[in-house]
N, C-alpha and C. Protein backbone atom coordinates (compact mmCIF):
# COMPACT_ATOMS: atom_id res chain seq x y z
N MET A 1 -5.72 64.81 45.21
CA MET A 1 -5.35 66.13 45.68
C MET A 1 -5.94 67.17 44.73
N ALA A 2 -6.57 68.18 45.25
CA ALA A 2 -7.19 69.24 44.46
C ALA A 2 -6.13 70.14 43.83
N LYS A 3 -6.41 70.60 42.62
CA LYS A 3 -5.51 71.52 41.92
C LYS A 3 -6.33 72.65 41.33
N ASP A 4 -5.74 73.85 41.31
CA ASP A 4 -6.38 74.98 40.65
C ASP A 4 -6.31 74.79 39.15
N ILE A 5 -7.34 75.24 38.45
CA ILE A 5 -7.37 75.17 37.00
C ILE A 5 -7.54 76.60 36.49
N ARG A 6 -6.62 77.02 35.66
CA ARG A 6 -6.72 78.36 35.07
C ARG A 6 -7.25 78.21 33.64
N LEU A 7 -8.23 79.01 33.32
CA LEU A 7 -8.82 78.98 32.00
C LEU A 7 -7.87 79.65 31.02
N PRO A 8 -7.39 78.90 30.02
CA PRO A 8 -6.48 79.50 29.05
C PRO A 8 -7.23 80.40 28.08
N GLN A 9 -6.53 81.32 27.46
CA GLN A 9 -7.14 82.13 26.41
C GLN A 9 -7.20 81.25 25.17
N LEU A 10 -8.41 80.91 24.73
CA LEU A 10 -8.59 79.95 23.65
C LEU A 10 -8.67 80.59 22.27
N GLY A 11 -8.53 81.89 22.20
CA GLY A 11 -8.53 82.61 20.93
C GLY A 11 -7.93 83.99 21.14
N GLN A 12 -7.57 84.64 20.05
CA GLN A 12 -6.92 85.95 20.16
C GLN A 12 -7.83 87.01 20.77
N THR A 13 -9.13 86.88 20.53
CA THR A 13 -10.05 87.90 21.03
C THR A 13 -10.86 87.44 22.23
N MET A 14 -10.61 86.24 22.72
CA MET A 14 -11.39 85.71 23.85
C MET A 14 -11.07 86.49 25.12
N GLU A 15 -12.11 86.99 25.77
CA GLU A 15 -11.94 87.71 27.03
C GLU A 15 -12.61 86.99 28.18
N GLU A 16 -13.63 86.16 27.89
CA GLU A 16 -14.31 85.44 28.95
C GLU A 16 -14.91 84.16 28.38
N GLY A 17 -15.18 83.23 29.27
CA GLY A 17 -15.80 81.97 28.92
C GLY A 17 -16.63 81.48 30.09
N THR A 18 -17.58 80.61 29.80
CA THR A 18 -18.45 80.07 30.83
C THR A 18 -18.37 78.56 30.80
N ILE A 19 -18.18 77.95 31.97
CA ILE A 19 -18.22 76.49 32.06
C ILE A 19 -19.68 76.08 31.97
N VAL A 20 -20.02 75.31 30.91
CA VAL A 20 -21.41 74.92 30.71
C VAL A 20 -21.70 73.50 31.19
N THR A 21 -20.68 72.65 31.18
CA THR A 21 -20.85 71.28 31.64
C THR A 21 -19.58 70.83 32.35
N SER A 22 -19.72 70.34 33.57
CA SER A 22 -18.60 69.74 34.28
C SER A 22 -18.70 68.23 34.08
N LEU A 23 -17.63 67.63 33.62
CA LEU A 23 -17.64 66.20 33.30
C LEU A 23 -17.02 65.34 34.39
N VAL A 24 -16.56 65.96 35.46
CA VAL A 24 -16.02 65.22 36.61
C VAL A 24 -16.71 65.69 37.88
N LYS A 25 -16.70 64.82 38.87
CA LYS A 25 -17.31 65.14 40.17
C LYS A 25 -16.22 65.27 41.22
N VAL A 26 -16.54 65.89 42.32
CA VAL A 26 -15.60 66.01 43.43
C VAL A 26 -15.16 64.61 43.84
N GLY A 27 -13.85 64.40 43.92
CA GLY A 27 -13.31 63.11 44.32
C GLY A 27 -12.93 62.20 43.16
N ASP A 28 -13.37 62.53 41.92
CA ASP A 28 -13.00 61.73 40.76
C ASP A 28 -11.51 61.86 40.49
N LYS A 29 -10.90 60.78 40.03
CA LYS A 29 -9.50 60.82 39.62
C LYS A 29 -9.46 61.27 38.17
N VAL A 30 -8.52 62.16 37.87
CA VAL A 30 -8.39 62.71 36.53
C VAL A 30 -6.96 62.50 36.06
N ALA A 31 -6.82 62.03 34.83
CA ALA A 31 -5.50 61.83 34.24
C ALA A 31 -5.23 62.92 33.21
N LYS A 32 -3.97 63.13 32.90
CA LYS A 32 -3.59 64.11 31.89
C LYS A 32 -4.30 63.78 30.58
N GLY A 33 -4.93 64.78 29.98
CA GLY A 33 -5.61 64.59 28.71
C GLY A 33 -7.10 64.30 28.83
N ASP A 34 -7.58 63.99 30.04
CA ASP A 34 -9.02 63.76 30.25
C ASP A 34 -9.78 65.07 30.06
N VAL A 35 -10.93 65.00 29.40
CA VAL A 35 -11.78 66.19 29.26
C VAL A 35 -12.49 66.38 30.60
N ILE A 36 -12.33 67.58 31.18
CA ILE A 36 -12.89 67.81 32.51
C ILE A 36 -14.11 68.73 32.49
N PHE A 37 -14.22 69.62 31.52
CA PHE A 37 -15.42 70.43 31.38
C PHE A 37 -15.50 71.03 29.98
N GLU A 38 -16.67 71.58 29.66
CA GLU A 38 -16.90 72.26 28.39
C GLU A 38 -17.02 73.76 28.66
N ILE A 39 -16.37 74.55 27.82
CA ILE A 39 -16.35 75.99 27.96
C ILE A 39 -17.10 76.61 26.78
N GLU A 40 -18.00 77.54 27.08
CA GLU A 40 -18.70 78.28 26.03
C GLU A 40 -18.08 79.67 25.92
N THR A 41 -17.63 80.01 24.72
CA THR A 41 -17.13 81.36 24.44
C THR A 41 -18.15 82.05 23.55
N ASP A 42 -17.82 83.24 23.10
CA ASP A 42 -18.75 83.96 22.22
C ASP A 42 -18.88 83.30 20.85
N LYS A 43 -17.98 82.36 20.51
CA LYS A 43 -17.99 81.76 19.18
C LYS A 43 -18.21 80.25 19.15
N ALA A 44 -17.94 79.54 20.25
CA ALA A 44 -17.99 78.08 20.20
C ALA A 44 -18.06 77.49 21.60
N ILE A 45 -18.34 76.19 21.65
CA ILE A 45 -18.24 75.41 22.88
C ILE A 45 -17.05 74.47 22.71
N LEU A 46 -16.11 74.53 23.63
CA LEU A 46 -14.84 73.81 23.52
C LEU A 46 -14.64 72.90 24.72
N ASP A 47 -13.95 71.78 24.51
CA ASP A 47 -13.57 70.86 25.60
C ASP A 47 -12.30 71.36 26.26
N MET A 48 -12.25 71.28 27.58
CA MET A 48 -11.04 71.62 28.34
C MET A 48 -10.46 70.34 28.88
N GLU A 49 -9.21 70.06 28.51
CA GLU A 49 -8.52 68.86 28.97
C GLU A 49 -7.64 69.15 30.16
N SER A 50 -7.45 68.14 30.99
CA SER A 50 -6.55 68.25 32.14
C SER A 50 -5.12 68.32 31.65
N ARG A 51 -4.34 69.23 32.22
CA ARG A 51 -2.93 69.34 31.85
C ARG A 51 -2.02 68.56 32.77
N ALA A 52 -2.57 68.04 33.86
CA ALA A 52 -1.74 67.29 34.82
C ALA A 52 -2.42 66.00 35.20
């Protein structure tokens, strides 16, 4: 079942981020804690984990 993913604020000054790599494909099963994509901010590239 598809779920919306909201990008959390990853720093006090973060205003935007860009998904640079998607690590899952449509239809893949994802478990809590799995890294689903990488986010690039103005300071770093960070892994985004599934919360559900």
